[in-house]
């Protein structure tokens, strides 16, 4: 299946590789208009974002570790790993990681809050 390569083969491969610059892709279904972001795809946010609303329908929204997001979120599954300011409504579930800092109300049928999560707001099970 795979064969071990020598150090020389690895070095030559690295030297011959073209540099691939990191890029950001905005999905085909993404629409950002007057502070409201809508999408029909799963959405991972790994940047600072301020807006009025993020609407992902029944899809998943993830707020990454090294960012701050300020906007109300509507989605199927919402996972907060970083810093978030706003209200969350999820049709399926909400997960707040132990690294999350959340200021706002959350509403979902299933809510999981890890130990050491910093949360200020109200919880509503729907």
PDB file of N, CA and C in Angstrom:
ATOM      1  N   UNK A   1       0.822  -1.175   0.000  1.00  0.00           N
ATOM      2  CA  UNK A   1       0.000   0.000   0.000  1.00  0.00           C
ATOM      3  C   UNK A   1       0.876   1.252   0.000  1.00  0.00           C
ATOM      4  N   UNK A   2       1.511   1.569   1.123  1.00  0.00           N
ATOM      5  CA  UNK A   2       2.428   2.690   1.204  1.00  0.00           C
ATOM      6  C   UNK A   2       3.807   2.133   1.489  1.00  0.00           C
ATOM      7  N   UNK A   3       4.810   2.720   0.890  1.00  0.00           N
ATOM      8  CA  UNK A   3       6.163   2.286   1.205  1.00  0.00           C
ATOM      9  C   UNK A   3       6.878   3.426   1.906  1.00  0.00           C
ATOM     10  N   UNK A   4       7.765   3.080   2.782  1.00  0.00           N
ATOM     11  CA  UNK A   4       8.547   4.083   3.498  1.00  0.00           C
ATOM     12  C   UNK A   4       9.461   4.781   2.507  1.00  0.00           C
ATOM     13  N   UNK A   5       9.556   6.095   2.634  1.00  0.00           N
ATOM     14  CA  UNK A   5      10.446   6.857   1.762  1.00  0.00           C
ATOM     15  C   UNK A   5      11.688   7.262   2.539  1.00  0.00           C
ATOM     16  N   UNK A   6      12.784   7.378   1.814  1.00  0.00           N
ATOM     17  CA  UNK A   6      14.040   7.775   2.450  1.00  0.00           C
ATOM     18  C   UNK A   6      14.006   9.270   2.739  1.00  0.00           C
ATOM     19  N   UNK A   7      14.928   9.703   3.572  1.00  0.00           N
ATOM     20  CA  UNK A   7      15.051  11.122   3.903  1.00  0.00           C
ATOM     21  C   UNK A   7      15.328  11.928   2.644  1.00  0.00           C
ATOM     22  N   UNK A   8      16.172  11.393   1.744  1.00  0.00           N
ATOM     23  CA  UNK A   8      16.482  12.101   0.498  1.00  0.00           C
ATOM     24  C   UNK A   8      15.245  12.274  -0.376  1.00  0.00           C
ATOM     25  N   UNK A   9      14.417  11.222  -0.479  1.00  0.00           N
ATOM     26  CA  UNK A   9      13.176  11.320  -1.263  1.00  0.00           C
ATOM     27  C   UNK A   9      12.244  12.373  -0.670  1.00  0.00           C
ATOM     28  N   UNK A  10      12.129  12.396   0.646  1.00  0.00           N
ATOM     29  CA  UNK A  10      11.270  13.384   1.294  1.00  0.00           C
ATOM     30  C   UNK A  10      11.794  14.791   1.060  1.00  0.00           C
ATOM     31  N   UNK A  11      13.107  14.987   1.203  1.00  0.00           N
ATOM     32  CA  UNK A  11      13.702  16.312   1.003  1.00  0.00           C
ATOM     33  C   UNK A  11      13.497  16.787  -0.428  1.00  0.00           C
ATOM     34  N   UNK A  12      13.705  15.899  -1.405  1.00  0.00           N
ATOM     35  CA  UNK A  12      13.496  16.280  -2.803  1.00  0.00           C
ATOM     36  C   UNK A  12      12.040  16.617  -3.078  1.00  0.00           C
ATOM     37  N   UNK A  13      11.138  15.874  -2.469  1.00  0.00           N
ATOM     38  CA  UNK A  13       9.720  16.156  -2.647  1.00  0.00           C
ATOM     39  C   UNK A  13       9.338  17.519  -2.107  1.00  0.00           C
ATOM     40  N   UNK A  14       9.873  17.861  -0.941  1.00  0.00           N
ATOM     41  CA  UNK A  14       9.578  19.165  -0.341  1.00  0.00           C
ATOM     42  C   UNK A  14      10.162  20.280  -1.188  1.00  0.00           C
ATOM     43  N   UNK A  15      11.389  20.103  -1.679  1.00  0.00           N
ATOM     44  CA  UNK A  15      12.021  21.141  -2.489  1.00  0.00           C
ATOM     45  C   UNK A  15      11.302  21.358  -3.810  1.00  0.00           C
ATOM     46  N   UNK A  16      10.649  20.324  -4.321  1.00  0.00           N
ATOM     47  CA  UNK A  16       9.972  20.429  -5.608  1.00  0.00           C
ATOM     48  C   UNK A  16       8.509  20.862  -5.493  1.00  0.00           C
ATOM     49  N   UNK A  17       8.012  20.964  -4.271  1.00  0.00           N
ATOM     50  CA  UNK A  17       6.607  21.340  -4.091  1.00  0.00           C
ATOM     51  C   UNK A  17       6.426  22.831  -4.319  1.00  0.00           C
ATOM     52  N   UNK A  18       5.398  23.191  -5.014  1.00  0.00           N
ATOM     53  CA  UNK A  18       5.067  24.598  -5.182  1.00  0.00           C
ATOM     54  C   UNK A  18       4.406  25.090  -3.900  1.00  0.00           C
ATOM     55  N   UNK A  19       4.694  26.319  -3.538  1.00  0.00           N
ATOM     56  CA  UNK A  19       4.081  26.904  -2.337  1.00  0.00           C
ATOM     57  C   UNK A  19       2.599  27.141  -2.604  1.00  0.00           C
ATOM     58  N   UNK A  20       1.754  26.638  -1.735  1.00  0.00           N
ATOM     59  CA  UNK A  20       0.318  26.831  -1.871  1.00  0.00           C
ATOM     60  C   UNK A  20      -0.111  27.823  -0.797  1.00  0.00           C
ATOM     61  N   UNK A  21      -0.554  28.977  -1.224  1.00  0.00           N
ATOM     62  CA  UNK A  21      -0.967  30.036  -0.304  1.00  0.00           C
ATOM     63  C   UNK A  21      -2.319  29.677   0.309  1.00  0.00           C
ATOM     64  N   UNK A  22      -2.464  29.834   1.632  1.00  0.00           N
ATOM     65  CA  UNK A  22      -3.770  29.580   2.248  1.00  0.00           C
ATOM     66  C   UNK A  22      -4.835  30.487   1.624  1.00  0.00           C
ATOM     67  N   UNK A  23      -6.068  29.999   1.592  1.00  0.00           N
ATOM     68  CA  UNK A  23      -7.129  30.807   1.006  1.00  0.00           C
ATOM     69  C   UNK A  23      -8.412  30.668   1.817  1.00  0.00           C
ATOM     70  N   UNK A  24      -9.273  31.602   1.632  1.00  0.00           N
ATOM     71  CA  UNK A  24     -10.582  31.591   2.263  1.00  0.00           C
ATOM     72  C   UNK A  24     -11.617  31.402   1.170  1.00  0.00           C
ATOM     73  N   UNK A  25     -12.559  30.497   1.402  1.00  0.00           N
ATOM     74  CA  UNK A  25     -13.603  30.249   0.424  1.00  0.00           C
ATOM     75  C   UNK A  25     -14.947  30.607   1.035  1.00  0.00           C
ATOM     76  N   UNK A  26     -15.701  31.414   0.348  1.00  0.00           N
ATOM     77  CA  UNK A  26     -17.071  31.712   0.745  1.00  0.00           C
ATOM     78  C   UNK A  26     -17.964  30.847  -0.124  1.00  0.00           C
ATOM     79  N   UNK A  27     -18.793  30.014   0.509  1.00  0.00           N
ATOM     80  CA  UNK A  27     -19.620  29.049  -0.211  1.00  0.00           C
ATOM     81  C   UNK A  27     -20.610  29.690  -1.164  1.00  0.00           C
ATOM     82  N   UNK A  28     -21.053  28.897  -2.140  1.00  0.00           N
ATOM     83  CA  UNK A  28     -21.986  29.382  -3.160  1.00  0.00           C
ATOM     84  C   UNK A  28     -23.294  29.875  -2.560  1.00  0.00           C
ATOM     85  N   UNK A  29     -23.715  29.272  -1.452  1.00  0.00           N
ATOM     86  CA  UNK A  29     -25.003  29.665  -0.886  1.00  0.00           C
ATOM     87  C   UNK A  29     -24.888  30.797   0.128  1.00  0.00           C
ATOM     88  N   UNK A  30     -23.669  31.302   0.360  1.00  0.00           N
ATOM     89  CA  UNK A  30     -23.458  32.351   1.356  1.00  0.00           C
ATOM     90  C   UNK A  30     -23.922  33.697   0.824  1.00  0.00           C
ATOM     91  N   UNK A  31     -24.683  34.403   1.635  1.00  0.00           N
ATOM     92  CA  UNK A  31     -25.156  35.727   1.279  1.00  0.00           C
ATOM     93  C   UNK A  31     -24.946  36.641   2.478  1.00  0.00           C
ATOM     94  N   UNK A  32     -24.268  37.752   2.293  1.00  0.00           N
ATOM     95  CA  UNK A  32     -24.055  38.713   3.373  1.00  0.00           C
ATOM     96  C   UNK A  32     -24.602  40.052   2.924  1.00  0.00           C
ATOM     97  N   UNK A  33     -25.654  40.499   3.608  1.00  0.00           N
ATOM     98  CA  UNK A  33     -26.347  41.709   3.194  1.00  0.00           C
ATOM     99  C   UNK A  33     -26.795  42.485   4.423  1.00  0.00           C
ATOM    100  N   UNK A  34     -26.321  43.708   4.556  1.00  0.00           N
ATOM    101  CA  UNK A  34     -26.714  44.614   5.633  1.00  0.00           C
ATOM    102  C   UNK A  34     -26.596  43.968   7.018  1.00  0.00           C
ATOM    103  N   UNK A  35     -25.469  43.309   7.253  1.00  0.00           N
ATOM    104  CA  UNK A  35     -25.192  42.728   8.558  1.00  0.00           C
ATOM    105  C   UNK A  35     -25.770  41.352   8.793  1.00  0.00           C
ATOM    106  N   UNK A  36     -26.534  40.815   7.834  1.00  0.00           N
ATOM    107  CA  UNK A  36     -27.131  39.486   7.995  1.00  0.00           C
ATOM    108  C   UNK A  36     -26.456  38.505   7.042  1.00  0.00           C
ATOM    109  N   UNK A  37     -25.927  37.412   7.615  1.00  0.00           N
ATOM    110  CA  UNK A  37     -25.275  36.372   6.837  1.00  0.00           C
ATOM    111  C   UNK A  37     -26.207  35.177   6.783  1.00  0.00           C
ATOM    112  N   UNK A  38     -26.495  34.688   5.588  1.00  0.00           N
ATOM    113  CA  UNK A  38     -27.336  33.501   5.431  1.00  0.00           C
ATOM    114  C   UNK A  38     -26.591  32.480   4.574  1.00  0.00           C
ATOM    115  N   UNK A  39     -26.832  31.195   4.872  1.00  0.00           N
ATOM    116  CA  UNK A  39     -26.199  30.129   4.111  1.00  0.00           C
ATOM    117  C   UNK A  39     -27.059  28.871   4.172  1.00  0.00           C
ATOM    118  N   UNK A  40     -26.949  28.049   3.137  1.00  0.00           N
ATOM    119  CA  UNK A  40     -27.608  26.743   3.090  1.00  0.00           C
ATOM    120  C   UNK A  40     -26.585  25.627   3.265  1.00  0.00           C
ATOM    121  N   UNK A  41     -25.419  25.971   3.809  1.00  0.00           N
ATOM    122  CA  UNK A  41     -24.341  25.008   4.019  1.00  0.00           C
ATOM    123  C   UNK A  41     -23.875  25.097   5.467  1.00  0.00           C
ATOM    124  N   UNK A  42     -23.132  24.077   5.926  1.00  0.00           N
ATOM    125  CA  UNK A  42     -22.496  24.163   7.236  1.00  0.00           C
ATOM    126  C   UNK A  42     -21.513  25.321   7.206  1.00  0.00           C
ATOM    127  N   UNK A  43     -21.335  25.972   8.343  1.00  0.00           N
ATOM    128  CA  UNK A  43     -20.511  27.177   8.411  1.00  0.00           C
ATOM    129  C   UNK A  43     -19.564  27.084   9.594  1.00  0.00           C
ATOM    130  N   UNK A  44     -18.273  27.253   9.340  1.00  0.00           N
ATOM    131  CA  UNK A  44     -17.262  27.328  10.389  1.00  0.00           C
ATOM    132  C   UNK A  44     -16.679  28.730  10.345  1.00  0.00           C
ATOM    133  N   UNK A  45     -16.749  29.429  11.467  1.00  0.00           N
ATOM    134  CA  UNK A  45     -16.243  30.797  11.546  1.00  0.00           C
ATOM    135  C   UNK A  45     -14.965  30.777  12.371  1.00  0.00           C
ATOM    136  N   UNK A  46     -13.856  31.097  11.747  1.00  0.00           N
ATOM    137  CA  UNK A  46     -12.566  31.153  12.429  1.00  0.00           C
ATOM    138  C   UNK A  46     -11.978  32.557  12.338  1.00  0.00           C
ATOM    139  N   UNK A  47     -12.838  33.556  12.296  1.00  0.00           N
ATOM    140  CA  UNK A  47     -12.386  34.942  12.226  1.00  0.00           C
ATOM    141  C   UNK A  47     -13.286  35.789  13.120  1.00  0.00           C
ATOM    142  N   UNK A  48     -12.860  37.004  13.397  1.00  0.00           N
ATOM    143  CA  UNK A  48     -13.726  37.917  14.131  1.00  0.00           C
ATOM    144  C   UNK A  48     -14.837  38.356  13.189  1.00  0.00           C
ATOM    145  N   UNK A  49     -16.062  38.358  13.695  1.00  0.00           N
ATOM    146  CA  UNK A  49     -17.222  38.687  12.873  1.00  0.00           C
ATOM    147  C   UNK A  49     -18.215  39.465  13.716  1.00  0.00           C
ATOM    148  N   UNK A  50     -18.682  40.589  13.182  1.00  0.00           N
ATOM    149  CA  UNK A  50     -19.731  41.367  13.833  1.00  0.00           C
ATOM    150  C   UNK A  50     -20.818  41.628  12.808  1.00  0.00           C
ATOM    151  N   UNK A  51     -22.022  41.264  13.150  1.00  0.00           N
ATOM    152  CA  UNK A  51     -23.160  41.470  12.270  1.00  0.00           C
ATOM    153  C   UNK A  51     -24.428  41.417  13.090  1.00  0.00           C
ATOM    154  N   UNK A  52     -25.568  41.440  12.438  1.00  0.00           N
ATOM    155  CA  UNK A  52     -26.828  41.392  13.180  1.00  0.00           C
ATOM    156  C   UNK A  52     -27.329  39.963  13.340  1.00  0.00           C
ATOM    157  N   UNK A  53     -27.126  39.115  12.301  1.00  0.00           N
ATOM    158  CA  UNK A  53     -27.672  37.766  12.358  1.00  0.00           C
ATOM    159  C   UNK A  53     -26.899  36.822  11.442  1.00  0.00           C
ATOM    160  N   UNK A  54     -26.770  35.569  11.906  1.00  0.00           N
ATOM    161  CA  UNK A  54     -26.238  34.482  11.092  1.00  0.00           C
ATOM    162  C   UNK A  54     -27.340  33.438  11.021  1.00  0.00           C
ATOM    163  N   UNK A  55     -27.806  33.139   9.816  1.00  0.00           N
ATOM    164  CA  UNK A  55     -28.892  32.176   9.639  1.00  0.00           C
ATOM    165  C   UNK A  55     -28.394  31.044   8.753  1.00  0.00           C
ATOM    166  N   UNK A  56     -28.277  29.846   9.362  1.00  0.00           N
ATOM    167  CA  UNK A  56     -27.817  28.676   8.611  1.00  0.00           C
ATOM    168  C   UNK A  56     -28.922  27.654   8.434  1.00  0.00           C
ATOM    169  N   UNK A  57     -30.165  28.045   8.651  1.00  0.00           N
ATOM    170  CA  UNK A  57     -31.281  27.119   8.489  1.00  0.00           C
ATOM    171  C   UNK A  57     -31.149  25.951   9.435  1.00  0.00           C
ATOM    172  N   UNK A  58     -31.100  24.736   8.897  1.00  0.00           N
ATOM    173  CA  UNK A  58     -30.949  23.534   9.730  1.00  0.00           C
ATOM    174  C   UNK A  58     -29.513  23.008   9.715  1.00  0.00           C
ATOM    175  N   UNK A  59     -28.584  23.784   9.189  1.00  0.00           N
ATOM    176  CA  UNK A  59     -27.186  23.371   9.083  1.00  0.00           C
ATOM    177  C   UNK A  59     -26.411  23.691  10.360  1.00  0.00           C
ATOM    178  N   UNK A  60     -25.164  23.244  10.400  1.00  0.00           N
ATOM    179  CA  UNK A  60     -24.300  23.427  11.560  1.00  0.00           C
ATOM    180  C   UNK A  60     -23.525  24.731  11.465  1.00  0.00           C
ATOM    181  N   UNK A  61     -23.411  25.416  12.614  1.00  0.00           N
ATOM    182  CA  UNK A  61     -22.588  26.618  12.727  1.00  0.00           C
ATOM    183  C   UNK A  61     -21.581  26.368  13.841  1.00  0.00           C
ATOM    184  N   UNK A  62     -20.293  26.582  13.534  1.00  0.00           N
ATOM    185  CA  UNK A  62     -19.241  26.426  14.527  1.00  0.00           C
ATOM    186  C   UNK A  62     -18.506  27.752  14.653  1.00  0.00           C
ATOM    187  N   UNK A  63     -18.375  28.247  15.896  1.00  0.00           N
ATOM    188  CA  UNK A  63     -17.575  29.432  16.184  1.00  0.00           C
ATOM    189  C   UNK A  63     -16.243  28.921  16.721  1.00  0.00           C
ATOM    190  N   UNK A  64     -15.167  29.181  15.986  1.00  0.00           N
ATOM    191  CA  UNK A  64     -13.851  28.641  16.307  1.00  0.00           C
ATOM    192  C   UNK A  64     -13.212  29.232  17.546  1.00  0.00           C
ATOM    193  N   UNK A  65     -12.107  28.624  17.935  1.00  0.00           N
ATOM    194  CA  UNK A  65     -11.430  28.932  19.187  1.00  0.00           C
ATOM    195  C   UNK A  65     -10.844  30.339  19.239  1.00  0.00           C
ATOM    196  N   UNK A  66     -10.194  30.768  18.183  1.00  0.00           N
ATOM    197  CA  UNK A  66      -9.429  32.015  18.226  1.00  0.00           C
ATOM    198  C   UNK A  66     -10.177  33.193  17.627  1.00  0.00           C
ATOM    199  N   UNK A  67     -11.479  33.246  17.844  1.00  0.00           N
ATOM    200  CA  UNK A  67     -12.238  34.340  17.253  1.00  0.00           C
ATOM    201  C   UNK A  67     -13.313  34.846  18.204  1.00  0.00           C
ATOM    202  N   UNK A  68     -13.853  35.996  17.845  1.00  0.00           N
ATOM    203  CA  UNK A  68     -14.987  36.578  18.559  1.00  0.00           C
ATOM    204  C   UNK A  68     -16.083  36.842  17.536  1.00  0.00           C
ATOM    205  N   UNK A  69     -17.271  36.315  17.802  1.00  0.00           N
ATOM    206  CA  UNK A  69     -18.414  36.508  16.911  1.00  0.00           C
ATOM    207  C   UNK A  69     -19.499  37.234  17.687  1.00  0.00           C
ATOM    208  N   UNK A  70     -20.024  38.296  17.090  1.00  0.00           N
ATOM    209  CA  UNK A  70     -21.119  39.058  17.679  1.00  0.00           C
ATOM    210  C   UNK A  70     -22.254  39.137  16.670  1.00  0.00           C
ATOM    211  N   UNK A  71     -23.270  38.326  16.860  1.00  0.00           N
ATOM    212  CA  UNK A  71     -24.453  38.274  15.996  1.00  0.00           C
ATOM    213  C   UNK A  71     -25.377  37.198  16.552  1.00  0.00           C
ATOM    214  N   UNK A  72     -26.665  37.331  16.340  1.00  0.00           N
ATOM    215  CA  UNK A  72     -27.585  36.258  16.708  1.00  0.00           C
ATOM    216  C   UNK A  72     -27.408  35.113  15.705  1.00  0.00           C
ATOM    217  N   UNK A  73     -27.463  33.863  16.206  1.00  0.00           N
ATOM    218  CA  UNK A  73     -27.283  32.699  15.337  1.00  0.00           C
ATOM    219  C   UNK A  73     -28.533  31.836  15.356  1.00  0.00           C
ATOM    220  N   UNK A  74     -28.962  31.408  14.156  1.00  0.00           N
ATOM    221  CA  UNK A  74     -30.005  30.407  13.997  1.00  0.00           C
ATOM    222  C   UNK A  74     -29.418  29.280  13.163  1.00  0.00           C
ATOM    223  N   UNK A  75     -29.539  28.048  13.663  1.00  0.00           N
ATOM    224  CA  UNK A  75     -29.008  26.905  12.935  1.00  0.00           C
ATOM    225  C   UNK A  75     -29.596  25.618  13.462  1.00  0.00           C
ATOM    226  N   UNK A  76     -29.201  24.511  12.863  1.00  0.00           N
ATOM    227  CA  UNK A  76     -29.631  23.199  13.348  1.00  0.00           C
ATOM    228  C   UNK A  76     -28.824  22.795  14.561  1.00  0.00           C
ATOM    229  N   UNK A  77     -27.497  22.750  14.383  1.00  0.00           N
ATOM    230  CA  UNK A  77     -26.553  22.471  15.457  1.00  0.00           C
ATOM    231  C   UNK A  77     -25.629  23.676  15.543  1.00  0.00           C
ATOM    232  N   UNK A  78     -25.430  24.189  16.759  1.00  0.00           N
ATOM    233  CA  UNK A  78     -24.534  25.325  16.958  1.00  0.00           C
ATOM    234  C   UNK A  78     -23.494  24.929  17.993  1.00  0.00           C
ATOM    235  N   UNK A  79     -22.214  25.074  17.631  1.00  0.00           N
ATOM    236  CA  UNK A  79     -21.105  24.748  18.523  1.00  0.00           C
ATOM    237  C   UNK A  79     -20.269  25.997  18.737  1.00  0.00           C
ATOM    238  N   UNK A  80     -20.071  26.355  19.993  1.00  0.00           N
ATOM    239  CA  UNK A  80     -19.267  27.527  20.321  1.00  0.00           C
ATOM    240  C   UNK A  80     -18.005  27.047  21.025  1.00  0.00           C
ATOM    241  N   UNK A  81     -16.866  27.356  20.433  1.00  0.00           N
ATOM    242  CA  UNK A  81     -15.585  26.977  21.002  1.00  0.00           C
ATOM    243  C   UNK A  81     -14.834  28.222  21.472  1.00  0.00           C
ATOM    244  N   UNK A  82     -15.055  29.348  20.824  1.00  0.00           N
ATOM    245  CA  UNK A  82     -14.391  30.611  21.143  1.00  0.00           C
ATOM    246  C   UNK A  82     -15.301  31.561  21.883  1.00  0.00           C
ATOM    247  N   UNK A  83     -15.219  32.851  21.549  1.00  0.00           N
ATOM    248  CA  UNK A  83     -15.978  33.906  22.227  1.00  0.00           C
ATOM    249  C   UNK A  83     -17.182  34.292  21.371  1.00  0.00           C
ATOM    250  N   UNK A  84     -18.342  34.358  22.004  1.00  0.00           N
ATOM    251  CA  UNK A  84     -19.582  34.629  21.280  1.00  0.00           C
ATOM    252  C   UNK A  84     -20.466  35.587  22.072  1.00  0.00           C
ATOM    253  N   UNK A  85     -20.993  36.587  21.380  1.00  0.00           N
ATOM    254  CA  UNK A  85     -21.931  37.551  21.957  1.00  0.00           C
ATOM    255  C   UNK A  85     -23.185  37.583  21.093  1.00  0.00           C
ATOM    256  N   UNK A  86     -24.314  37.193  21.670  1.00  0.00           N
ATOM    257  CA  UNK A  86     -25.577  37.198  20.942  1.00  0.00           C
ATOM    258  C   UNK A  86     -26.442  36.043  21.399  1.00  0.00           C
ATOM    259  N   UNK A  87     -27.607  35.934  20.817  1.00  0.00           N
ATOM    260  CA  UNK A  87     -28.550  34.868  21.165  1.00  0.00           C
ATOM    261  C   UNK A  87     -28.455  33.743  20.150  1.00  0.00           C
ATOM    262  N   UNK A  88     -28.637  32.497  20.637  1.00  0.00           N
ATOM    263  CA  UNK A  88     -28.554  31.323  19.772  1.00  0.00           C
ATOM    264  C   UNK A  88     -29.879  30.580  19.816  1.00  0.00           C
ATOM    265  N   UNK A  89     -30.411  30.251  18.647  1.00  0.00           N
ATOM    266  CA  UNK A  89     -31.576  29.384  18.523  1.00  0.00           C
ATOM    267  C   UNK A  89     -31.189  28.232  17.612  1.00  0.00           C
ATOM    268  N   UNK A  90     -31.276  27.000  18.133  1.00  0.00           N
ATOM    269  CA  UNK A  90     -30.917  25.820  17.347  1.00  0.00           C
ATOM    270  C   UNK A  90     -32.097  24.861  17.319  1.00  0.00           C
ATOM    271  N   UNK A  91     -32.368  24.298  16.152  1.00  0.00           N
ATOM    272  CA  UNK A  91     -33.476  23.344  16.037  1.00  0.00           C
ATOM    273  C   UNK A  91     -33.100  21.961  16.552  1.00  0.00           C
ATOM    274  N   UNK A  92     -31.797  21.663  16.643  1.00  0.00           N
ATOM    275  CA  UNK A  92     -31.332  20.360  17.107  1.00  0.00           C
ATOM    276  C   UNK A  92     -30.590  20.462  18.440  1.00  0.00           C
ATOM    277  N   UNK A  93     -29.419  21.107  18.455  1.00  0.00           N
ATOM    278  CA  UNK A  93     -28.638  21.160  19.692  1.00  0.00           C
ATOM    279  C   UNK A  93     -27.655  22.325  19.709  1.00  0.00           C
ATOM    280  N   UNK A  94     -27.231  22.639  20.935  1.00  0.00           N
ATOM    281  CA  UNK A  94     -26.196  23.650  21.169  1.00  0.00           C
ATOM    282  C   UNK A  94     -25.126  23.004  22.034  1.00  0.00           C
ATOM    283  N   UNK A  95     -23.866  23.222  21.665  1.00  0.00           N
ATOM    284  CA  UNK A  95     -22.735  22.717  22.428  1.00  0.00           C
ATOM    285  C   UNK A  95     -21.821  23.888  22.744  1.00  0.00           C
ATOM    286  N   UNK A  96     -21.519  24.089  24.036  1.00  0.00           N
ATOM    287  CA  UNK A  96     -20.583  25.116  24.470  1.00  0.00           C
ATOM    288  C   UNK A  96     -19.350  24.421  25.040  1.00  0.00           C
ATOM    289  N   UNK A  97     -18.212  24.577  24.385  1.00  0.00           N
ATOM    290  CA  UNK A  97     -16.972  23.926  24.809  1.00  0.00           C
ATOM    291  C   UNK A  97     -16.421  24.571  26.073  1.00  0.00           C
ATOM    292  N   UNK A  98     -15.492  23.894  26.726  1.00  0.00           N
ATOM    293  CA  UNK A  98     -14.919  24.437  27.950  1.00  0.00           C
ATOM    294  C   UNK A  98     -14.076  25.680  27.704  1.00  0.00           C
ATOM    295  N   UNK A  99     -13.741  25.964  26.467  1.00  0.00           N
ATOM    296  CA  UNK A  99     -12.998  27.170  26.107  1.00  0.00           C
ATOM    297  C   UNK A  99     -13.914  28.324  25.721  1.00  0.00           C
ATOM    298  N   UNK A 100     -15.212  28.074  25.656  1.00  0.00           N
ATOM    299  CA  UNK A 100     -16.172  29.078  25.186  1.00  0.00           C
ATOM    300  C   UNK A 100     -16.421  30.160  26.230  1.00  0.00           C
ATOM    301  N   UNK A 101     -16.621  31.371  25.718  1.00  0.00           N
ATOM    302  CA  UNK A 101     -17.089  32.505  26.508  1.00  0.00           C
ATOM    303  C   UNK A 101     -18.341  32.992  25.798  1.00  0.00           C
ATOM    304  N   UNK A 102     -19.497  32.843  26.439  1.00  0.00           N
ATOM    305  CA  UNK A 102     -20.772  33.128  25.786  1.00  0.00           C
ATOM    306  C   UNK A 102     -21.563  34.133  26.603  1.00  0.00           C
ATOM    307  N   UNK A 103     -21.982  35.207  25.938  1.00  0.00           N
ATOM    308  CA  UNK A 103     -22.849  36.221  26.539  1.00  0.00           C
ATOM    309  C   UNK A 103     -24.100  36.327  25.699  1.00  0.00           C
ATOM    310  N   UNK A 104     -25.198  35.725  26.170  1.00  0.00           N
ATOM    311  CA  UNK A 104     -26.448  35.759  25.430  1.00  0.00           C
ATOM    312  C   UNK A 104     -27.322  34.588  25.804  1.00  0.00           C
ATOM    313  N   UNK A 105     -28.545  34.629  25.353  1.00  0.00           N
ATOM    314  CA  UNK A 105     -29.516  33.578  25.647  1.00  0.00           C
ATOM    315  C   UNK A 105     -29.382  32.456  24.623  1.00  0.00           C
ATOM    316  N   UNK A 106     -29.643  31.217  25.074  1.00  0.00           N
ATOM    317  CA  UNK A 106     -29.568  30.063  24.179  1.00  0.00           C
ATOM    318  C   UNK A 106     -30.859  29.256  24.279  1.00  0.00           C
ATOM    319  N   UNK A 107     -31.288  28.725  23.124  1.00  0.00           N
ATOM    320  CA  UNK A 107     -32.536  27.963  23.063  1.00  0.00           C
ATOM    321  C   UNK A 107     -32.385  26.804  22.095  1.00  0.00           C
ATOM    322  N   UNK A 108     -32.650  25.570  22.591  1.00  0.00           N
ATOM    323  CA  UNK A 108     -32.579  24.362  21.762  1.00  0.00           C
ATOM    324  C   UNK A 108     -33.200  23.208  22.532  1.00  0.00           C
ATOM    325  N   UNK A 109     -33.557  22.114  21.849  1.00  0.00           N
ATOM    326  CA  UNK A 109     -34.070  20.935  22.550  1.00  0.00           C
ATOM    327  C   UNK A 109     -32.995  20.236  23.385  1.00  0.00           C
ATOM    328  N   UNK A 110     -31.746  20.307  22.925  1.00  0.00           N
ATOM    329  CA  UNK A 110     -30.635  19.670  23.624  1.00  0.00           C
ATOM    330  C   UNK A 110     -29.510  20.683  23.775  1.00  0.00           C
ATOM    331  N   UNK A 111     -29.067  20.898  25.015  1.00  0.00           N
ATOM    332  CA  UNK A 111     -28.002  21.863  25.285  1.00  0.00           C
ATOM    333  C   UNK A 111     -26.942  21.184  26.136  1.00  0.00           C
ATOM    334  N   UNK A 112     -25.685  21.262  25.678  1.00  0.00           N
ATOM    335  CA  UNK A 112     -24.571  20.685  26.431  1.00  0.00           C
ATOM    336  C   UNK A 112     -23.568  21.796  26.728  1.00  0.00           C
ATOM    337  N   UNK A 113     -23.289  21.997  28.013  1.00  0.00           N
ATOM    338  CA  UNK A 113     -22.332  23.008  28.438  1.00  0.00           C
ATOM    339  C   UNK A 113     -21.217  22.306  29.206  1.00  0.00           C
ATOM    340  N   UNK A 114     -20.009  22.392  28.685  1.00  0.00           N
ATOM    341  CA  UNK A 114     -18.861  21.743  29.304  1.00  0.00           C
ATOM    342  C   UNK A 114     -18.461  22.463  30.595  1.00  0.00           C
ATOM    343  N   UNK A 115     -17.815  21.724  31.476  1.00  0.00           N
ATOM    344  CA  UNK A 115     -17.248  22.279  32.696  1.00  0.00           C
ATOM    345  C   UNK A 115     -16.219  23.349  32.319  1.00  0.00           C
ATOM    346  N   UNK A 116     -16.214  24.459  33.026  1.00  0.00           N
ATOM    347  CA  UNK A 116     -15.313  25.605  32.848  1.00  0.00           C
ATOM    348  C   UNK A 116     -15.751  26.551  31.732  1.00  0.00           C
ATOM    349  N   UNK A 117     -16.868  26.289  31.091  1.00  0.00           N
ATOM    350  CA  UNK A 117     -17.401  27.233  30.112  1.00  0.00           C
ATOM    351  C   UNK A 117     -17.831  28.495  30.850  1.00  0.00           C
ATOM    352  N   UNK A 118     -17.556  29.646  30.258  1.00  0.00           N
ATOM    353  CA  UNK A 118     -18.036  30.902  30.844  1.00  0.00           C
ATOM    354  C   UNK A 118     -19.297  31.320  30.089  1.00  0.00           C
ATOM    355  N   UNK A 119     -20.418  31.287  30.779  1.00  0.00           N
ATOM    356  CA  UNK A 119     -21.725  31.544  30.156  1.00  0.00           C
ATOM    357  C   UNK A 119     -22.512  32.525  30.998  1.00  0.00           C
ATOM    358  N   UNK A 120     -23.038  33.558  30.345  1.00  0.00           N
ATOM    359  CA  UNK A 120     -23.914  34.511  31.007  1.00  0.00           C
ATOM    360  C   UNK A 120     -25.128  34.715  30.105  1.00  0.00           C
ATOM    361  N   UNK A 121     -26.279  34.295  30.593  1.00  0.00           N
ATOM    362  CA  UNK A 121     -27.510  34.412  29.834  1.00  0.00           C
ATOM    363  C   UNK A 121     -28.546  33.450  30.349  1.00  0.00           C
ATOM    364  N   UNK A 122     -29.607  33.308  29.589  1.00  0.00           N
ATOM    365  CA  UNK A 122     -30.696  32.409  29.971  1.00  0.00           C
ATOM    366  C   UNK A 122     -30.709  31.199  29.047  1.00  0.00           C
ATOM    367  N   UNK A 123     -31.170  30.064  29.604  1.00  0.00           N
ATOM    368  CA  UNK A 123     -31.273  28.821  28.844  1.00  0.00           C
ATOM    369  C   UNK A 123     -32.749  28.463  28.714  1.00  0.00           C
ATOM    370  N   UNK A 124     -33.149  28.122  27.494  1.00  0.00           N
ATOM    371  CA  UNK A 124     -34.517  27.703  27.245  1.00  0.00           C
ATOM    372  C   UNK A 124     -34.497  26.421  26.409  1.00  0.00           C
ATOM    373  N   UNK A 125     -35.160  25.384  26.913  1.00  0.00           N
ATOM    374  CA  UNK A 125     -35.259  24.132  26.181  1.00  0.00           C
ATOM    375  C   UNK A 125     -36.550  24.153  25.351  1.00  0.00           C
ATOM    376  N   UNK A 126     -36.411  23.970  24.037  1.00  0.00           N
ATOM    377  CA  UNK A 126     -37.594  24.031  23.162  1.00  0.00           C
ATOM    378  C   UNK A 126     -37.813  22.725  22.453  1.00  0.00           C
TER     379      UNK A 126
END
